[in-house]
Amino acid sequence: MPKIEDVDAMFTGAFFPDDVAKWLEELPAWYEDEHAIYVHAGLIEKEGKFQHPRDTQPEIALLWTRTDGFFRNYRGKTVVIGHTVTELLPQELSSYTPADPSDMWVGDSIIAIDTGAGKEDGFLTAVELPSRTVYESR
């Protein structure tokens, strides 16, 4: 699996113990299993087609990309992402508690789990696949 080449460009990790920072630096930029593709932010669109993460160069783009088109137009293998707080995503496309924009966001082929855990009113969300069992800290 691909590795993140330059984690220092993203953060210094000074608040993490050295062994945790080293572990983070060695994590792949993406992961895939039989259930989904897991990336931090989303998939890159090139010439009208969303690229598989293995075809994305530089890999660091997988950590930062966030386009409205990805949420509206991507159809394919389920992609699980974070990076963008769910309340900023197109709520009319979410089939998961659409009345609560702070909750997990689920589109046709995307599951977004950034429910603002680092913010004052946020909470941590995880989803277990393939059952799609949701765990929340609130």
N, C-alpha and C. Protein backbone atom coordinates (compact mmCIF):
# COMPACT_ATOMS: atom_id res chain seq x y z
N MET A 1 0.86 -1.19 0.00
CA MET A 1 0.00 0.00 0.00
C MET A 1 0.90 1.24 0.00
N PRO A 2 0.41 2.34 -0.56
CA PRO A 2 1.21 3.56 -0.60
C PRO A 2 1.39 4.16 0.78
N LYS A 3 2.46 4.89 0.94
CA LYS A 3 2.76 5.57 2.20
C LYS A 3 2.65 7.08 2.00
N ILE A 4 2.37 7.78 3.05
CA ILE A 4 2.40 9.24 3.01
C ILE A 4 3.88 9.61 3.01
N GLU A 5 4.31 10.35 2.00
CA GLU A 5 5.73 10.63 1.85
C GLU A 5 6.25 11.70 2.79
N ASP A 6 5.44 12.69 3.10
CA ASP A 6 5.97 13.80 3.88
C ASP A 6 4.96 14.26 4.91
N VAL A 7 4.82 13.50 5.96
CA VAL A 7 3.85 13.85 7.01
C VAL A 7 4.24 15.16 7.68
N ASP A 8 5.54 15.46 7.76
CA ASP A 8 5.98 16.70 8.40
C ASP A 8 5.40 17.93 7.72
N ALA A 9 5.09 17.83 6.44
CA ALA A 9 4.50 18.97 5.73
C ALA A 9 3.08 19.23 6.22
N MET A 10 2.45 18.23 6.81
CA MET A 10 1.07 18.37 7.27
C MET A 10 1.00 18.80 8.73
N PHE A 11 1.82 18.24 9.57
CA PHE A 11 1.83 18.61 10.97
C PHE A 11 3.14 18.16 11.60
N THR A 12 3.51 18.79 12.69
CA THR A 12 4.78 18.44 13.31
C THR A 12 4.65 17.24 14.23
N GLY A 13 3.46 16.98 14.74
CA GLY A 13 3.28 15.84 15.64
C GLY A 13 3.85 16.10 17.02
N ALA A 14 4.19 17.34 17.33
CA ALA A 14 4.84 17.66 18.59
C ALA A 14 4.00 17.27 19.79
N PHE A 15 2.69 17.23 19.64
CA PHE A 15 1.83 16.90 20.77
C PHE A 15 1.65 15.40 20.93
N PHE A 16 2.19 14.60 20.01
CA PHE A 16 2.13 13.14 20.11
C PHE A 16 3.44 12.61 20.69
N PRO A 17 3.38 11.53 21.46
CA PRO A 17 4.62 10.85 21.85
C PRO A 17 5.35 10.40 20.59
N ASP A 18 6.65 10.29 20.64
CA ASP A 18 7.46 9.94 19.47
C ASP A 18 7.01 8.65 18.80
N ASP A 19 6.66 7.64 19.59
CA ASP A 19 6.26 6.37 18.98
C ASP A 19 4.94 6.50 18.23
N VAL A 20 4.04 7.34 18.70
CA VAL A 20 2.76 7.55 18.01
C VAL A 20 3.00 8.35 16.72
N ALA A 21 3.83 9.38 16.78
CA ALA A 21 4.15 10.17 15.58
C ALA A 21 4.80 9.28 14.52
N LYS A 22 5.70 8.39 14.93
CA LYS A 22 6.34 7.47 13.98
C LYS A 22 5.31 6.54 13.34
N TRP A 23 4.40 6.02 14.15
CA TRP A 23 3.34 5.15 13.64
C TRP A 23 2.48 5.89 12.62
N LEU A 24 2.10 7.13 12.93
CA LEU A 24 1.29 7.93 12.01
C LEU A 24 2.02 8.15 10.68
N GLU A 25 3.31 8.44 10.75
CA GLU A 25 4.10 8.67 9.54
C GLU A 25 4.15 7.44 8.65
N GLU A 26 4.02 6.27 9.23
CA GLU A 26 4.13 5.02 8.47
C GLU A 26 2.78 4.53 7.93
N LEU A 27 1.70 5.19 8.30
CA LEU A 27 0.38 4.76 7.81
C LEU A 27 0.26 5.02 6.32
N PRO A 28 -0.47 4.16 5.62
CA PRO A 28 -0.70 4.42 4.20
C PRO A 28 -1.64 5.61 4.01
N ALA A 29 -1.58 6.22 2.84
CA ALA A 29 -2.44 7.36 2.53
C ALA A 29 -3.87 6.92 2.31
N TRP A 30 -4.07 5.63 2.05
CA TRP A 30 -5.40 5.08 1.83
C TRP A 30 -5.35 3.59 2.12
N TYR A 31 -6.53 3.02 2.26
CA TYR A 31 -6.63 1.59 2.52
C TYR A 31 -7.88 1.10 1.79
N GLU A 32 -7.85 -0.15 1.37
CA GLU A 32 -9.01 -0.73 0.72
C GLU A 32 -9.18 -2.16 1.18
N ASP A 33 -10.42 -2.55 1.44
CA ASP A 33 -10.74 -3.95 1.71
C ASP A 33 -11.95 -4.31 0.85
N GLU A 34 -12.53 -5.44 1.10
CA GLU A 34 -13.66 -5.88 0.26
C GLU A 34 -14.90 -5.00 0.45
N HIS A 35 -14.95 -4.21 1.51
CA HIS A 35 -16.14 -3.42 1.82
C HIS A 35 -16.07 -1.98 1.31
N ALA A 36 -14.89 -1.39 1.34
CA ALA A 36 -14.79 0.03 1.02
C ALA A 36 -13.35 0.44 0.74
N ILE A 37 -13.24 1.66 0.24
CA ILE A 37 -11.97 2.37 0.13
C ILE A 37 -12.00 3.41 1.24
N TYR A 38 -10.92 3.55 1.98
CA TYR A 38 -10.86 4.48 3.11
C TYR A 38 -9.80 5.53 2.80
N VAL A 39 -10.22 6.78 2.72
CA VAL A 39 -9.29 7.89 2.51
C VAL A 39 -9.66 9.01 3.47
N HIS A 40 -8.72 9.88 3.71
CA HIS A 40 -8.99 10.96 4.65
C HIS A 40 -10.03 11.94 4.12
N ALA A 41 -9.85 12.40 2.87
CA ALA A 41 -10.69 13.49 2.39
C ALA A 41 -11.61 13.12 1.24
N GLY A 42 -11.14 12.40 0.26
CA GLY A 42 -11.98 12.09 -0.89
C GLY A 42 -11.15 11.62 -2.06
N LEU A 43 -11.78 11.44 -3.18
CA LEU A 43 -11.11 10.99 -4.39
C LEU A 43 -10.94 12.16 -5.36
N ILE A 44 -9.88 12.11 -6.13
CA ILE A 44 -9.57 13.13 -7.11
C ILE A 44 -10.32 12.82 -8.41
N GLU A 45 -10.91 13.85 -8.99
CA GLU A 45 -11.56 13.69 -10.29
C GLU A 45 -10.61 14.18 -11.37
N LYS A 46 -10.44 13.37 -12.39
CA LYS A 46 -9.57 13.73 -13.50
C LYS A 46 -10.28 13.35 -14.79
N GLU A 47 -10.45 14.33 -15.66
CA GLU A 47 -11.10 14.12 -16.95
C GLU A 47 -12.48 13.46 -16.79
N GLY A 48 -13.23 13.93 -15.79
CA GLY A 48 -14.59 13.47 -15.58
C GLY A 48 -14.73 12.12 -14.90
N LYS A 49 -13.63 11.57 -14.42
CA LYS A 49 -13.67 10.26 -13.75
C LYS A 49 -12.93 10.35 -12.41
N PHE A 50 -13.53 9.75 -11.39
CA PHE A 50 -12.88 9.74 -10.08
C PHE A 50 -11.81 8.65 -10.07
N GLN A 51 -10.59 9.06 -9.71
CA GLN A 51 -9.46 8.15 -9.73
C GLN A 51 -9.46 7.23 -8.52
N HIS A 52 -9.07 5.98 -8.72
CA HIS A 52 -8.80 5.10 -7.60
C HIS A 52 -7.58 5.66 -6.89
N PRO A 53 -7.50 5.56 -5.57
CA PRO A 53 -6.36 6.13 -4.85
C PRO A 53 -5.00 5.64 -5.36
N ARG A 54 -4.91 4.42 -5.84
CA ARG A 54 -3.61 3.91 -6.34
C ARG A 54 -3.14 4.70 -7.55
N ASP A 55 -4.04 5.39 -8.23
CA ASP A 55 -3.70 6.16 -9.42
C ASP A 55 -3.53 7.65 -9.14
N THR A 56 -3.64 8.04 -7.89
CA THR A 56 -3.56 9.45 -7.52
C THR A 56 -2.13 9.84 -7.19
N GLN A 57 -1.64 10.83 -7.89
CA GLN A 57 -0.32 11.38 -7.62
C GLN A 57 -0.44 12.90 -7.55
N PRO A 58 0.11 13.56 -6.57
CA PRO A 58 0.73 12.97 -5.40
C PRO A 58 -0.33 12.45 -4.42
N GLU A 59 0.04 11.44 -3.66
CA GLU A 59 -0.88 10.82 -2.71
C GLU A 59 -1.41 11.79 -1.67
N ILE A 60 -0.64 12.81 -1.37
CA ILE A 60 -1.06 13.77 -0.35
C ILE A 60 -2.38 14.44 -0.73
N ALA A 61 -2.73 14.45 -2.02
CA ALA A 61 -4.00 15.03 -2.46
C ALA A 61 -5.18 14.31 -1.81
N LEU A 62 -5.01 13.03 -1.47
CA LEU A 62 -6.08 12.27 -0.83
C LEU A 62 -6.41 12.79 0.56
N LEU A 63 -5.48 13.55 1.13
CA LEU A 63 -5.70 14.09 2.47
C LEU A 63 -6.42 15.43 2.46
N TRP A 64 -6.46 16.11 1.32
CA TRP A 64 -6.95 17.48 1.30
C TRP A 64 -8.09 17.74 0.35
N THR A 65 -8.31 16.89 -0.64
CA THR A 65 -9.33 17.19 -1.64
C THR A 65 -10.72 17.21 -1.02
N ARG A 66 -11.49 18.19 -1.40
CA ARG A 66 -12.90 18.23 -0.99
C ARG A 66 -13.65 19.03 -2.04
N THR A 67 -14.38 18.31 -2.85
CA THR A 67 -15.15 18.97 -3.90
C THR A 67 -16.62 18.57 -3.77
N ASP A 68 -17.46 19.52 -4.07
CA ASP A 68 -18.89 19.26 -4.07
C ASP A 68 -19.22 18.16 -5.07
N GLY A 69 -18.53 18.15 -6.19
CA GLY A 69 -18.77 17.15 -7.22
C GLY A 69 -18.55 15.73 -6.74
N PHE A 70 -17.58 15.52 -5.87
CA PHE A 70 -17.34 14.18 -5.33
C PHE A 70 -18.58 13.68 -4.60
N PHE A 71 -19.15 14.50 -3.75
CA PHE A 71 -20.32 14.10 -2.97
C PHE A 71 -21.57 13.95 -3.83
N ARG A 72 -21.67 14.74 -4.88
CA ARG A 72 -22.85 14.71 -5.75
C ARG A 72 -22.75 13.65 -6.86
N ASN A 73 -21.54 13.36 -7.32
CA ASN A 73 -21.42 12.58 -8.55
C ASN A 73 -20.69 11.25 -8.44
N TYR A 74 -19.95 11.01 -7.38
CA TYR A 74 -19.21 9.75 -7.31
C TYR A 74 -20.17 8.58 -7.17
N ARG A 75 -20.00 7.58 -8.00
CA ARG A 75 -20.73 6.32 -7.90
C ARG A 75 -19.70 5.22 -8.12
N GLY A 76 -19.65 4.32 -7.21
CA GLY A 76 -18.69 3.22 -7.30
C GLY A 76 -18.60 2.53 -5.96
N LYS A 77 -17.49 1.88 -5.73
CA LYS A 77 -17.27 1.20 -4.46
C LYS A 77 -17.39 2.22 -3.33
N THR A 78 -17.98 1.81 -2.23
CA THR A 78 -18.14 2.71 -1.09
C THR A 78 -16.80 3.31 -0.69
N VAL A 79 -16.81 4.62 -0.44
CA VAL A 79 -15.64 5.34 0.05
C VAL A 79 -16.01 5.91 1.41
N VAL A 80 -15.17 5.64 2.42
CA VAL A 80 -15.36 6.19 3.76
C VAL A 80 -14.35 7.31 3.94
N ILE A 81 -14.84 8.48 4.34
CA ILE A 81 -13.98 9.65 4.46
C ILE A 81 -14.22 10.38 5.78
N GLY A 82 -13.31 11.25 6.10
CA GLY A 82 -13.44 12.20 7.21
C GLY A 82 -13.21 13.58 6.63
N HIS A 83 -12.35 14.35 7.25
CA HIS A 83 -11.82 15.63 6.77
C HIS A 83 -12.81 16.78 6.75
N THR A 84 -13.99 16.59 6.23
CA THR A 84 -14.97 17.67 6.14
C THR A 84 -16.11 17.38 7.10
N VAL A 85 -16.35 18.31 8.01
CA VAL A 85 -17.43 18.14 8.98
C VAL A 85 -18.74 17.94 8.21
N THR A 86 -19.48 16.92 8.61
CA THR A 86 -20.66 16.51 7.85
C THR A 86 -21.70 17.62 7.67
N GLU A 87 -21.78 18.55 8.58
CA GLU A 87 -22.79 19.61 8.43
C GLU A 87 -22.48 20.52 7.24
N LEU A 88 -21.26 20.44 6.68
CA LEU A 88 -20.91 21.24 5.51
C LEU A 88 -21.19 20.51 4.19
N LEU A 89 -21.62 19.27 4.28
CA LEU A 89 -21.88 18.47 3.08
C LEU A 89 -23.31 18.70 2.59
N PRO A 90 -23.60 18.38 1.33
CA PRO A 90 -24.96 18.61 0.79
C PRO A 90 -25.99 17.74 1.50
N GLN A 91 -26.68 18.33 2.45
CA GLN A 91 -27.60 17.59 3.32
C GLN A 91 -28.73 16.90 2.56
N GLU A 92 -29.13 17.48 1.46
CA GLU A 92 -30.23 16.88 0.70
C GLU A 92 -29.85 15.53 0.08
N LEU A 93 -28.57 15.19 0.10
CA LEU A 93 -28.11 13.92 -0.46
C LEU A 93 -27.88 12.84 0.59
N SER A 94 -27.95 13.18 1.85
CA SER A 94 -27.69 12.21 2.90
C SER A 94 -28.94 11.42 3.25
N SER A 95 -28.75 10.12 3.33
CA SER A 95 -29.87 9.24 3.72
C SER A 95 -29.81 8.85 5.19
N TYR A 96 -28.82 9.38 5.92
CA TYR A 96 -28.66 9.02 7.32
C TYR A 96 -29.07 10.20 8.18
N THR A 97 -30.13 10.09 8.93
CA THR A 97 -30.69 11.16 9.76
C THR A 97 -30.60 12.54 9.09
N PRO A 98 -31.24 12.72 7.95
CA PRO A 98 -31.12 14.00 7.25
C PRO A 98 -31.60 15.20 8.06
N ALA A 99 -32.39 14.98 9.08
CA ALA A 99 -32.85 16.09 9.91
C ALA A 99 -31.76 16.57 10.88
N ASP A 100 -30.67 15.82 11.01
CA ASP A 100 -29.58 16.20 11.90
C ASP A 100 -28.29 16.36 11.10
N PRO A 101 -28.01 17.57 10.61
CA PRO A 101 -26.84 17.78 9.76
C PRO A 101 -25.50 17.53 10.45
N SER A 102 -25.47 17.46 11.77
CA SER A 102 -24.22 17.19 12.47
C SER A 102 -23.92 15.70 12.55
N ASP A 103 -24.88 14.86 12.18
CA ASP A 103 -24.70 13.42 12.26
C ASP A 103 -23.93 12.89 11.04
N MET A 104 -23.60 11.63 11.07
CA MET A 104 -22.91 10.98 9.97
C MET A 104 -23.66 11.27 8.67
N TRP A 105 -22.90 11.35 7.57
CA TRP A 105 -23.48 11.64 6.26
C TRP A 105 -23.32 10.41 5.38
N VAL A 106 -24.41 9.94 4.76
CA VAL A 106 -24.35 8.77 3.90
C VAL A 106 -25.01 9.09 2.57
N GLY A 107 -24.22 9.02 1.51
CA GLY A 107 -24.73 9.20 0.16
C GLY A 107 -24.78 7.86 -0.55
N ASP A 108 -24.97 7.90 -1.85
CA ASP A 108 -25.07 6.66 -2.63
C ASP A 108 -23.84 5.77 -2.48
N SER A 109 -22.66 6.36 -2.51
CA SER A 109 -21.43 5.57 -2.47
C SER A 109 -20.39 6.12 -1.50
N ILE A 110 -20.81 7.06 -0.66
CA ILE A 110 -19.87 7.72 0.27
C ILE A 110 -20.44 7.70 1.68
N ILE A 111 -19.59 7.39 2.64
CA ILE A 111 -19.92 7.50 4.07
C ILE A 111 -18.94 8.50 4.66
N ALA A 112 -19.45 9.59 5.19
CA ALA A 112 -18.62 10.63 5.79
C ALA A 112 -18.82 10.61 7.30
N ILE A 113 -17.73 10.46 8.04
CA ILE A 113 -17.84 10.25 9.49
C ILE A 113 -17.22 11.37 10.33
N ASP A 114 -16.86 12.51 9.72
CA ASP A 114 -16.31 13.62 10.51
C ASP A 114 -17.46 14.39 11.13
N THR A 115 -17.79 14.06 12.35
CA THR A 115 -18.88 14.72 13.06
C THR A 115 -18.35 15.71 14.09
N GLY A 116 -17.17 16.26 13.79
CA GLY A 116 -16.64 17.37 14.58
C GLY A 116 -16.13 17.00 15.95
N ALA A 117 -15.52 15.84 16.10
CA ALA A 117 -15.06 15.39 17.42
C ALA A 117 -14.11 16.39 18.09
N GLY A 118 -13.38 17.16 17.32
CA GLY A 118 -12.46 18.12 17.89
C GLY A 118 -13.08 19.48 18.17
N LYS A 119 -14.36 19.62 17.94
CA LYS A 119 -15.04 20.89 18.15
C LYS A 119 -15.89 20.84 19.40
N GLU A 120 -16.28 21.98 19.89
CA GLU A 120 -17.02 22.08 21.15
C GLU A 120 -18.27 21.20 21.20
N ASP A 121 -19.09 21.23 20.17
CA ASP A 121 -20.32 20.45 20.18
C ASP A 121 -20.22 19.16 19.37
N GLY A 122 -19.01 18.84 18.91
CA GLY A 122 -18.84 17.66 18.07
C GLY A 122 -18.78 16.37 18.87
N PHE A 123 -18.74 15.28 18.15
CA PHE A 123 -18.66 13.95 18.77
C PHE A 123 -17.94 13.02 17.81
N LEU A 124 -17.46 11.93 18.32
CA LEU A 124 -16.73 10.95 17.53
C LEU A 124 -17.71 9.95 16.95
N THR A 125 -17.53 9.63 15.66
CA THR A 125 -18.37 8.66 14.98
C THR A 125 -17.50 7.62 14.31
N ALA A 126 -17.92 6.37 14.40
CA ALA A 126 -17.27 5.27 13.68
C ALA A 126 -18.37 4.42 13.06
N VAL A 127 -18.03 3.77 11.96
CA VAL A 127 -18.99 2.89 11.30
C VAL A 127 -18.31 1.55 11.07
N GLU A 128 -19.00 0.49 11.42
CA GLU A 128 -18.49 -0.86 11.23
C GLU A 128 -19.07 -1.43 9.94
N LEU A 129 -18.17 -1.89 9.09
CA LEU A 129 -18.61 -2.48 7.82
C LEU A 129 -18.36 -3.98 7.84
N PRO A 130 -19.18 -4.78 7.19
CA PRO A 130 -20.22 -4.39 6.24
C PRO A 130 -21.58 -4.12 6.87
N SER A 131 -21.74 -4.31 8.17
CA SER A 131 -23.06 -4.17 8.78
C SER A 131 -23.56 -2.72 8.81
N ARG A 132 -22.65 -1.77 8.66
CA ARG A 132 -22.96 -0.35 8.78
C ARG A 132 -23.49 0.02 10.16
N THR A 133 -23.03 -0.71 11.16
CA THR A 133 -23.34 -0.36 12.55
C THR A 133 -22.60 0.91 12.90
N VAL A 134 -23.31 1.87 13.48
CA VAL A 134 -22.74 3.17 13.79
C VAL A 134 -22.51 3.28 15.29
N TYR A 135 -21.34 3.82 15.65
CA TYR A 135 -20.98 4.07 17.03
C TYR A 135 -20.71 5.56 17.17
N GLU A 136 -21.30 6.18 18.19
CA GLU A 136 -21.11 7.61 18.43
C GLU A 136 -20.78 7.84 19.89
N SER A 137 -20.00 8.88 20.15
CA SER A 137 -19.61 9.18 21.52
C SER A 137 -20.60 10.11 22.23
N ARG A 138 -21.66 10.52 21.56
CA ARG A 138 -22.61 11.43 22.22
C ARG A 138 -23.72 10.68 22.91
